[in-house]
Amino acid sequence: MAKVEIKQPIVDEIAGYLADAQAMVLVDYRGLTVEEDTQLRKALREAGVDYKVYKNTLIKRAVKGTVFEAVTDLCEGPTAIATSASDATAPARVLYEAAKKMPNLELKGGVVDGTFYDEKMIQVIATIPSREVLLGKLLGSIQSPITNFARVIKQIAESKEEVA
């Protein structure tokens, strides 16, 4: 059996993760302790992020011809990829927070919503709240004036009752 045939299922696996992914962030995990790696994987799993370590040549093969092809130059040294199909900012956010506590975890860059970002821009993206948080803030800002209006109407009604 040829080496290419053996590696093709792994390339297909990577391509499968990328098919539905809104984002892909690459990191260098060299120097992480087993405990740190376990914590990182747990945090990523809880955020709905897939995190895998692959050979750079297989990552390059899987991203060829996709929107993720821009990460090819980042595939140097130990590389792990984090992808998310549901939240475009989740991989960057979780990895950035982890990198603050784990100095050996190094963000390389990635692709978010079809656009390539280097390490610095991935850090900026990491500060963007999740979609749910943004929707919650929007809903809160819409409800606030309505709540205040209702409170004023109630106070007017109560004051008219006191007068009567």
N, C-alpha and C. Protein backbone atom coordinates (compact mmCIF):
# COMPACT_ATOMS: atom_id res chain seq x y z
N MET A 1 0.85 -1.18 0.00
CA MET A 1 0.00 0.00 0.00
C MET A 1 0.89 1.25 0.00
N ALA A 2 0.60 2.21 -0.85
CA ALA A 2 1.41 3.42 -0.96
C ALA A 2 1.17 4.33 0.24
N LYS A 3 2.20 5.13 0.55
CA LYS A 3 2.10 6.06 1.69
C LYS A 3 0.96 7.04 1.51
N VAL A 4 0.73 7.48 0.28
CA VAL A 4 -0.34 8.44 0.00
C VAL A 4 -1.69 7.83 0.36
N GLU A 5 -1.89 6.55 0.03
CA GLU A 5 -3.15 5.88 0.34
C GLU A 5 -3.37 5.77 1.84
N ILE A 6 -2.32 5.58 2.59
CA ILE A 6 -2.42 5.47 4.05
C ILE A 6 -2.78 6.83 4.66
N LYS A 7 -2.24 7.89 4.11
CA LYS A 7 -2.45 9.23 4.67
C LYS A 7 -3.74 9.88 4.20
N GLN A 8 -4.32 9.39 3.10
CA GLN A 8 -5.52 10.02 2.55
C GLN A 8 -6.70 10.06 3.53
N PRO A 9 -6.96 9.01 4.31
CA PRO A 9 -8.06 9.10 5.28
C PRO A 9 -7.86 10.22 6.31
N ILE A 10 -6.61 10.50 6.68
CA ILE A 10 -6.33 11.58 7.63
C ILE A 10 -6.59 12.93 6.97
N VAL A 11 -6.16 13.07 5.71
CA VAL A 11 -6.43 14.30 4.96
C VAL A 11 -7.94 14.49 4.83
N ASP A 12 -8.67 13.43 4.56
CA ASP A 12 -10.13 13.51 4.45
C ASP A 12 -10.75 13.90 5.79
N GLU A 13 -10.19 13.39 6.90
CA GLU A 13 -10.69 13.74 8.23
C GLU A 13 -10.53 15.24 8.47
N ILE A 14 -9.35 15.77 8.16
CA ILE A 14 -9.10 17.21 8.33
C ILE A 14 -10.07 18.01 7.45
N ALA A 15 -10.20 17.59 6.20
CA ALA A 15 -11.11 18.27 5.26
C ALA A 15 -12.54 18.23 5.78
N GLY A 16 -12.91 17.15 6.45
CA GLY A 16 -14.24 17.03 7.04
C GLY A 16 -14.47 18.07 8.13
N TYR A 17 -13.46 18.29 8.97
CA TYR A 17 -13.58 19.32 10.00
C TYR A 17 -13.71 20.71 9.38
N LEU A 18 -12.99 20.92 8.28
CA LEU A 18 -12.97 22.23 7.64
C LEU A 18 -14.21 22.50 6.79
N ALA A 19 -14.89 21.45 6.35
CA ALA A 19 -16.05 21.61 5.46
C ALA A 19 -17.12 22.51 6.06
N ASP A 20 -17.39 22.35 7.35
CA ASP A 20 -18.44 23.13 8.01
C ASP A 20 -17.87 24.24 8.89
N ALA A 21 -16.56 24.35 8.96
CA ALA A 21 -15.93 25.27 9.90
C ALA A 21 -16.11 26.74 9.49
N GLN A 22 -16.45 27.56 10.48
CA GLN A 22 -16.49 29.01 10.29
C GLN A 22 -15.11 29.60 10.57
N ALA A 23 -14.32 28.87 11.36
CA ALA A 23 -13.00 29.37 11.75
C ALA A 23 -12.03 28.22 11.95
N MET A 24 -10.75 28.54 11.73
CA MET A 24 -9.66 27.59 11.98
C MET A 24 -8.48 28.40 12.51
N VAL A 25 -8.00 28.03 13.68
CA VAL A 25 -6.85 28.71 14.28
C VAL A 25 -5.76 27.68 14.50
N LEU A 26 -4.52 28.05 14.14
CA LEU A 26 -3.37 27.17 14.33
C LEU A 26 -2.56 27.63 15.52
N VAL A 27 -2.07 26.66 16.29
CA VAL A 27 -1.24 26.96 17.45
C VAL A 27 -0.02 26.05 17.48
N ASP A 28 1.02 26.54 18.14
CA ASP A 28 2.19 25.74 18.45
C ASP A 28 2.04 25.35 19.91
N TYR A 29 1.94 24.08 20.16
CA TYR A 29 1.66 23.57 21.51
C TYR A 29 2.93 23.07 22.20
N ARG A 30 4.07 23.24 21.59
CA ARG A 30 5.33 22.74 22.12
C ARG A 30 5.57 23.28 23.53
N GLY A 31 5.89 22.38 24.45
CA GLY A 31 6.20 22.78 25.81
C GLY A 31 5.04 22.73 26.78
N LEU A 32 3.83 22.41 26.31
CA LEU A 32 2.70 22.29 27.22
C LEU A 32 2.86 21.03 28.07
N THR A 33 2.51 21.14 29.32
CA THR A 33 2.51 19.95 30.18
C THR A 33 1.26 19.13 29.88
N VAL A 34 1.23 17.92 30.32
CA VAL A 34 0.06 17.06 30.11
C VAL A 34 -1.16 17.70 30.78
N GLU A 35 -0.96 18.27 31.97
CA GLU A 35 -2.06 18.91 32.69
C GLU A 35 -2.60 20.12 31.91
N GLU A 36 -1.69 20.94 31.37
CA GLU A 36 -2.11 22.10 30.59
C GLU A 36 -2.86 21.67 29.33
N ASP A 37 -2.34 20.64 28.66
CA ASP A 37 -2.99 20.14 27.45
C ASP A 37 -4.39 19.62 27.77
N THR A 38 -4.52 18.93 28.88
CA THR A 38 -5.83 18.41 29.29
C THR A 38 -6.80 19.55 29.57
N GLN A 39 -6.34 20.59 30.28
CA GLN A 39 -7.19 21.76 30.56
C GLN A 39 -7.60 22.46 29.27
N LEU A 40 -6.64 22.60 28.35
CA LEU A 40 -6.91 23.26 27.08
C LEU A 40 -7.96 22.49 26.28
N ARG A 41 -7.77 21.19 26.17
CA ARG A 41 -8.73 20.37 25.41
C ARG A 41 -10.12 20.42 26.03
N LYS A 42 -10.20 20.44 27.35
CA LYS A 42 -11.49 20.51 28.05
C LYS A 42 -12.18 21.84 27.74
N ALA A 43 -11.43 22.95 27.83
CA ALA A 43 -12.00 24.28 27.56
C ALA A 43 -12.48 24.38 26.12
N LEU A 44 -11.71 23.83 25.19
CA LEU A 44 -12.10 23.86 23.78
C LEU A 44 -13.34 23.01 23.54
N ARG A 45 -13.38 21.84 24.14
CA ARG A 45 -14.53 20.94 23.98
C ARG A 45 -15.80 21.61 24.51
N GLU A 46 -15.69 22.27 25.68
CA GLU A 46 -16.85 22.94 26.28
C GLU A 46 -17.36 24.09 25.41
N ALA A 47 -16.46 24.69 24.62
CA ALA A 47 -16.85 25.78 23.73
C ALA A 47 -17.29 25.28 22.36
N GLY A 48 -17.34 23.96 22.17
CA GLY A 48 -17.77 23.39 20.90
C GLY A 48 -16.71 23.47 19.82
N VAL A 49 -15.44 23.48 20.23
CA VAL A 49 -14.33 23.61 19.29
C VAL A 49 -13.62 22.26 19.15
N ASP A 50 -13.38 21.86 17.90
CA ASP A 50 -12.60 20.64 17.64
C ASP A 50 -11.13 21.01 17.64
N TYR A 51 -10.32 20.24 18.34
CA TYR A 51 -8.88 20.51 18.48
C TYR A 51 -8.12 19.23 18.19
N LYS A 52 -7.24 19.29 17.19
CA LYS A 52 -6.50 18.10 16.79
C LYS A 52 -5.07 18.49 16.42
N VAL A 53 -4.18 17.53 16.60
CA VAL A 53 -2.79 17.68 16.18
C VAL A 53 -2.58 16.82 14.94
N TYR A 54 -2.05 17.43 13.89
CA TYR A 54 -1.78 16.72 12.65
C TYR A 54 -0.40 17.10 12.13
N LYS A 55 0.12 16.28 11.23
CA LYS A 55 1.38 16.61 10.56
C LYS A 55 1.11 17.78 9.61
N ASN A 56 2.09 18.66 9.53
CA ASN A 56 1.94 19.84 8.68
C ASN A 56 1.66 19.50 7.22
N THR A 57 2.30 18.47 6.71
CA THR A 57 2.09 18.11 5.30
C THR A 57 0.64 17.70 5.06
N LEU A 58 0.03 17.04 6.04
CA LEU A 58 -1.37 16.61 5.89
C LEU A 58 -2.32 17.80 5.99
N ILE A 59 -2.00 18.76 6.87
CA ILE A 59 -2.81 19.98 6.96
C ILE A 59 -2.74 20.74 5.63
N LYS A 60 -1.52 20.89 5.10
CA LYS A 60 -1.35 21.60 3.83
C LYS A 60 -2.14 20.94 2.71
N ARG A 61 -2.13 19.62 2.69
CA ARG A 61 -2.87 18.89 1.66
C ARG A 61 -4.38 19.08 1.82
N ALA A 62 -4.85 19.10 3.07
CA ALA A 62 -6.29 19.22 3.32
C ALA A 62 -6.82 20.62 3.02
N VAL A 63 -6.01 21.66 3.23
CA VAL A 63 -6.49 23.03 3.02
C VAL A 63 -6.33 23.50 1.58
N LYS A 64 -5.59 22.75 0.78
CA LYS A 64 -5.34 23.15 -0.61
C LYS A 64 -6.67 23.32 -1.36
N GLY A 65 -6.83 24.48 -1.96
CA GLY A 65 -8.03 24.77 -2.74
C GLY A 65 -9.22 25.19 -1.92
N THR A 66 -9.05 25.45 -0.62
CA THR A 66 -10.14 25.90 0.24
C THR A 66 -9.85 27.32 0.72
N VAL A 67 -10.82 27.91 1.44
CA VAL A 67 -10.60 29.25 2.00
C VAL A 67 -9.51 29.22 3.08
N PHE A 68 -9.20 28.03 3.57
CA PHE A 68 -8.19 27.89 4.63
C PHE A 68 -6.77 27.75 4.08
N GLU A 69 -6.61 27.78 2.76
CA GLU A 69 -5.30 27.58 2.15
C GLU A 69 -4.28 28.63 2.61
N ALA A 70 -4.74 29.79 3.04
CA ALA A 70 -3.85 30.87 3.47
C ALA A 70 -2.99 30.49 4.68
N VAL A 71 -3.38 29.45 5.42
CA VAL A 71 -2.61 29.05 6.61
C VAL A 71 -1.41 28.18 6.27
N THR A 72 -1.24 27.85 5.01
CA THR A 72 -0.16 26.95 4.59
C THR A 72 1.20 27.39 5.12
N ASP A 73 1.49 28.68 5.05
CA ASP A 73 2.79 29.18 5.51
C ASP A 73 2.98 29.06 7.02
N LEU A 74 1.89 28.89 7.76
CA LEU A 74 1.98 28.76 9.22
C LEU A 74 2.29 27.32 9.65
N CYS A 75 2.24 26.40 8.73
CA CYS A 75 2.45 24.99 9.04
C CYS A 75 3.95 24.68 9.15
N GLU A 76 4.54 25.15 10.21
CA GLU A 76 5.95 24.92 10.53
C GLU A 76 6.02 24.50 11.99
N GLY A 77 6.83 23.54 12.30
CA GLY A 77 6.96 23.09 13.69
C GLY A 77 5.70 22.39 14.15
N PRO A 78 5.62 22.09 15.44
CA PRO A 78 4.43 21.41 15.97
C PRO A 78 3.18 22.27 15.76
N THR A 79 2.17 21.68 15.15
CA THR A 79 0.96 22.43 14.82
C THR A 79 -0.28 21.66 15.23
N ALA A 80 -1.16 22.38 15.91
CA ALA A 80 -2.49 21.85 16.23
C ALA A 80 -3.49 22.82 15.61
N ILE A 81 -4.62 22.28 15.19
CA ILE A 81 -5.67 23.13 14.63
C ILE A 81 -6.91 23.06 15.50
N ALA A 82 -7.55 24.23 15.61
CA ALA A 82 -8.80 24.33 16.35
C ALA A 82 -9.84 24.87 15.37
N THR A 83 -10.96 24.16 15.23
CA THR A 83 -12.00 24.58 14.30
C THR A 83 -13.34 24.64 15.02
N SER A 84 -14.21 25.49 14.49
CA SER A 84 -15.56 25.58 15.04
C SER A 84 -16.55 25.80 13.90
N ALA A 85 -17.61 25.02 13.93
CA ALA A 85 -18.65 25.16 12.92
C ALA A 85 -19.76 26.09 13.39
N SER A 86 -19.85 26.33 14.71
CA SER A 86 -20.97 27.09 15.24
C SER A 86 -20.63 28.51 15.68
N ASP A 87 -19.38 28.78 16.06
CA ASP A 87 -19.00 30.09 16.58
C ASP A 87 -17.66 30.49 15.97
N ALA A 88 -17.67 31.49 15.12
CA ALA A 88 -16.47 31.88 14.40
C ALA A 88 -15.35 32.40 15.31
N THR A 89 -15.71 32.95 16.45
CA THR A 89 -14.68 33.51 17.34
C THR A 89 -14.24 32.56 18.44
N ALA A 90 -14.93 31.44 18.61
CA ALA A 90 -14.63 30.53 19.72
C ALA A 90 -13.21 29.99 19.73
N PRO A 91 -12.68 29.47 18.60
CA PRO A 91 -11.31 28.95 18.67
C PRO A 91 -10.31 30.01 19.11
N ALA A 92 -10.40 31.20 18.52
CA ALA A 92 -9.47 32.28 18.87
C ALA A 92 -9.64 32.68 20.33
N ARG A 93 -10.88 32.81 20.77
CA ARG A 93 -11.17 33.26 22.14
C ARG A 93 -10.63 32.27 23.18
N VAL A 94 -10.92 31.00 23.01
CA VAL A 94 -10.49 29.99 23.99
C VAL A 94 -8.98 29.84 23.99
N LEU A 95 -8.38 29.79 22.79
CA LEU A 95 -6.92 29.63 22.71
C LEU A 95 -6.19 30.85 23.26
N TYR A 96 -6.72 32.04 23.00
CA TYR A 96 -6.10 33.27 23.51
C TYR A 96 -6.13 33.29 25.04
N GLU A 97 -7.28 32.95 25.61
CA GLU A 97 -7.40 32.91 27.07
C GLU A 97 -6.45 31.87 27.66
N ALA A 98 -6.34 30.72 27.00
CA ALA A 98 -5.45 29.67 27.47
C ALA A 98 -3.99 30.11 27.37
N ALA A 99 -3.65 30.82 26.29
CA ALA A 99 -2.27 31.26 26.09
C ALA A 99 -1.83 32.26 27.15
N LYS A 100 -2.80 33.00 27.73
CA LYS A 100 -2.46 33.93 28.82
C LYS A 100 -1.94 33.16 30.04
N LYS A 101 -2.52 31.97 30.29
CA LYS A 101 -2.13 31.15 31.44
C LYS A 101 -1.04 30.16 31.10
N MET A 102 -0.90 29.85 29.83
CA MET A 102 0.08 28.85 29.37
C MET A 102 1.05 29.51 28.39
N PRO A 103 2.16 30.05 28.88
CA PRO A 103 3.06 30.79 28.01
C PRO A 103 3.66 29.97 26.88
N ASN A 104 3.66 28.66 26.99
CA ASN A 104 4.21 27.82 25.92
C ASN A 104 3.24 27.62 24.76
N LEU A 105 1.98 28.00 24.95
CA LEU A 105 0.99 27.89 23.87
C LEU A 105 1.11 29.15 23.02
N GLU A 106 1.41 28.96 21.75
CA GLU A 106 1.66 30.10 20.87
C GLU A 106 0.67 30.12 19.72
N LEU A 107 -0.11 31.20 19.62
CA LEU A 107 -1.03 31.37 18.49
C LEU A 107 -0.21 31.64 17.24
N LYS A 108 -0.54 30.98 16.15
CA LYS A 108 0.17 31.19 14.89
C LYS A 108 -0.62 32.09 13.95
N GLY A 109 -1.93 31.92 13.93
CA GLY A 109 -2.80 32.66 13.03
C GLY A 109 -3.95 31.76 12.63
N GLY A 110 -4.74 32.21 11.66
CA GLY A 110 -5.84 31.38 11.23
C GLY A 110 -6.75 32.07 10.24
N VAL A 111 -7.86 31.43 9.97
CA VAL A 111 -8.87 31.95 9.05
C VAL A 111 -10.19 31.99 9.80
N VAL A 112 -10.82 33.16 9.78
CA VAL A 112 -12.13 33.34 10.43
C VAL A 112 -13.07 33.92 9.38
N ASP A 113 -14.18 33.24 9.17
CA ASP A 113 -15.18 33.64 8.16
C ASP A 113 -14.54 33.93 6.81
N GLY A 114 -13.61 33.07 6.39
CA GLY A 114 -13.01 33.16 5.07
C GLY A 114 -11.87 34.15 4.92
N THR A 115 -11.49 34.84 6.00
CA THR A 115 -10.42 35.83 5.93
C THR A 115 -9.23 35.38 6.77
N PHE A 116 -8.02 35.49 6.21
CA PHE A 116 -6.81 35.11 6.93
C PHE A 116 -6.41 36.20 7.91
N TYR A 117 -6.01 35.78 9.10
CA TYR A 117 -5.54 36.71 10.13
C TYR A 117 -4.25 36.17 10.73
N ASP A 118 -3.29 37.07 10.95
CA ASP A 118 -2.05 36.66 11.59
C ASP A 118 -2.26 36.58 13.10
N GLU A 119 -1.20 36.27 13.81
CA GLU A 119 -1.28 36.07 15.27
C GLU A 119 -1.87 37.28 15.98
N LYS A 120 -1.45 38.47 15.63
CA LYS A 120 -1.93 39.70 16.30
C LYS A 120 -3.42 39.91 16.06
N MET A 121 -3.88 39.68 14.84
CA MET A 121 -5.29 39.88 14.54
C MET A 121 -6.15 38.78 15.17
N ILE A 122 -5.61 37.59 15.30
CA ILE A 122 -6.35 36.52 15.99
C ILE A 122 -6.58 36.93 17.44
N GLN A 123 -5.60 37.60 18.04
CA GLN A 123 -5.76 38.08 19.41
C GLN A 123 -6.87 39.13 19.49
N VAL A 124 -6.99 39.98 18.47
CA VAL A 124 -8.06 40.97 18.43
C VAL A 124 -9.40 40.27 18.30
N ILE A 125 -9.48 39.29 17.40
CA ILE A 125 -10.72 38.53 17.21
C ILE A 125 -11.12 37.83 18.51
N ALA A 126 -10.13 37.41 19.28
CA ALA A 126 -10.40 36.71 20.54
C ALA A 126 -11.15 37.59 21.54
N THR A 127 -11.06 38.90 21.37
CA THR A 127 -11.74 39.81 22.31
C THR A 127 -13.20 40.07 21.90
N ILE A 128 -13.59 39.59 20.72
CA ILE A 128 -14.98 39.76 20.28
C ILE A 128 -15.84 38.74 21.02
N PRO A 129 -16.89 39.19 21.68
CA PRO A 129 -17.76 38.24 22.40
C PRO A 129 -18.43 37.27 21.44
N SER A 130 -18.90 36.16 21.98
CA SER A 130 -19.60 35.18 21.16
C SER A 130 -20.91 35.76 20.65
N ARG A 131 -21.47 35.11 19.67
CA ARG A 131 -22.73 35.55 19.06
C ARG A 131 -23.83 35.63 20.12
N GLU A 132 -23.87 34.64 21.01
CA GLU A 132 -24.90 34.61 22.04
C GLU A 132 -24.79 35.82 22.97
N VAL A 133 -23.56 36.17 23.35
CA VAL A 133 -23.34 37.32 24.23
C VAL A 133 -23.76 38.60 23.52
N LEU A 134 -23.38 38.74 22.25
CA LEU A 134 -23.76 39.93 21.48
C LEU A 134 -25.28 40.04 21.34
N LEU A 135 -25.95 38.91 21.07
CA LEU A 135 -27.41 38.93 20.97
C LEU A 135 -28.04 39.28 22.31
N GLY A 136 -27.46 38.77 23.39
CA GLY A 136 -27.95 39.10 24.73
C GLY A 136 -27.85 40.58 25.02
N LYS A 137 -26.72 41.17 24.64
CA LYS A 137 -26.53 42.62 24.84
C LYS A 137 -27.53 43.41 24.00
N LEU A 138 -27.75 42.97 22.77
CA LEU A 138 -28.71 43.65 21.90
C LEU A 138 -30.11 43.57 22.50
N LEU A 139 -30.49 42.38 22.93
CA LEU A 139 -31.80 42.20 23.54
C LEU A 139 -31.94 43.05 24.79
N GLY A 140 -30.89 43.09 25.60
CA GLY A 140 -30.91 43.92 26.81
C GLY A 140 -31.08 45.39 26.49
N SER A 141 -30.41 45.86 25.44
CA SER A 141 -30.52 47.27 25.09
C SER A 141 -31.90 47.59 24.52
N ILE A 142 -32.54 46.61 23.89
CA ILE A 142 -33.91 46.82 23.38
C ILE A 142 -34.90 46.79 24.54
N GLN A 143 -34.71 45.87 25.48
CA GLN A 143 -35.65 45.73 26.60
C GLN A 143 -35.57 46.89 27.58
N SER A 144 -34.39 47.46 27.74
CA SER A 144 -34.20 48.51 28.74
C SER A 144 -35.16 49.69 28.55
N PRO A 145 -35.27 50.29 27.36
CA PRO A 145 -36.21 51.41 27.20
C PRO A 145 -37.66 50.98 27.42
N ILE A 146 -38.00 49.77 26.98
CA ILE A 146 -39.37 49.28 27.17
C ILE A 146 -39.67 49.13 28.66
N THR A 147 -38.71 48.56 29.39
CA THR A 147 -38.88 48.38 30.83
C THR A 147 -39.03 49.73 31.53
N ASN A 148 -38.18 50.69 31.16
CA ASN A 148 -38.26 52.03 31.76
C ASN A 148 -39.60 52.69 31.44
N PHE A 149 -40.06 52.53 30.20
CA PHE A 149 -41.35 53.09 29.80
C PHE A 149 -42.48 52.49 30.63
N ALA A 150 -42.45 51.17 30.79
CA ALA A 150 -43.47 50.48 31.58
C ALA A 150 -43.45 50.96 33.04
N ARG A 151 -42.26 51.17 33.58
CA ARG A 151 -42.10 51.64 34.96
C ARG A 151 -42.71 53.04 35.11
N VAL A 152 -42.47 53.93 34.14
CA VAL A 152 -43.01 55.29 34.19
C VAL A 152 -44.53 55.25 34.11
N ILE A 153 -45.07 54.44 33.22
CA ILE A 153 -46.53 54.32 33.08
C ILE A 153 -47.14 53.83 34.40
N LYS A 154 -46.49 52.84 35.02
CA LYS A 154 -46.98 52.31 36.29
C LYS A 154 -46.96 53.39 37.37
N GLN A 155 -45.90 54.19 37.41
CA GLN A 155 -45.80 55.26 38.41
C GLN A 155 -46.88 56.32 38.19
N ILE A 156 -47.16 56.63 36.92
CA ILE A 156 -48.21 57.60 36.61
C ILE A 156 -49.55 57.04 37.05
N ALA A 157 -49.82 55.79 36.78
CA ALA A 157 -51.07 55.14 37.17
C ALA A 157 -51.21 55.14 38.69
N GLU A 158 -50.12 54.82 39.41
CA GLU A 158 -50.16 54.81 40.88
C GLU A 158 -50.39 56.21 41.43
N SER A 159 -49.78 57.22 40.84
CA SER A 159 -49.95 58.58 41.33
C SER A 159 -51.39 59.07 41.09
N LYS A 160 -52.01 58.66 40.02
CA LYS A 160 -53.40 59.03 39.74
C LYS A 160 -54.34 58.32 40.72
N GLU A 161 -53.99 57.08 41.14
CA GLU A 161 -54.79 56.36 42.13
C GLU A 161 -54.72 57.08 43.48
N GLU A 162 -53.53 57.58 43.81
CA GLU A 162 -53.36 58.29 45.09
C GLU A 162 -54.15 59.60 45.10
N VAL A 163 -54.23 60.28 43.96
CA VAL A 163 -54.96 61.53 43.85
C VAL A 163 -56.46 61.26 43.98
N ALA A 164 -56.92 60.17 43.39
CA ALA A 164 -58.33 59.84 43.41
C ALA A 164 -58.68 59.32 44.77
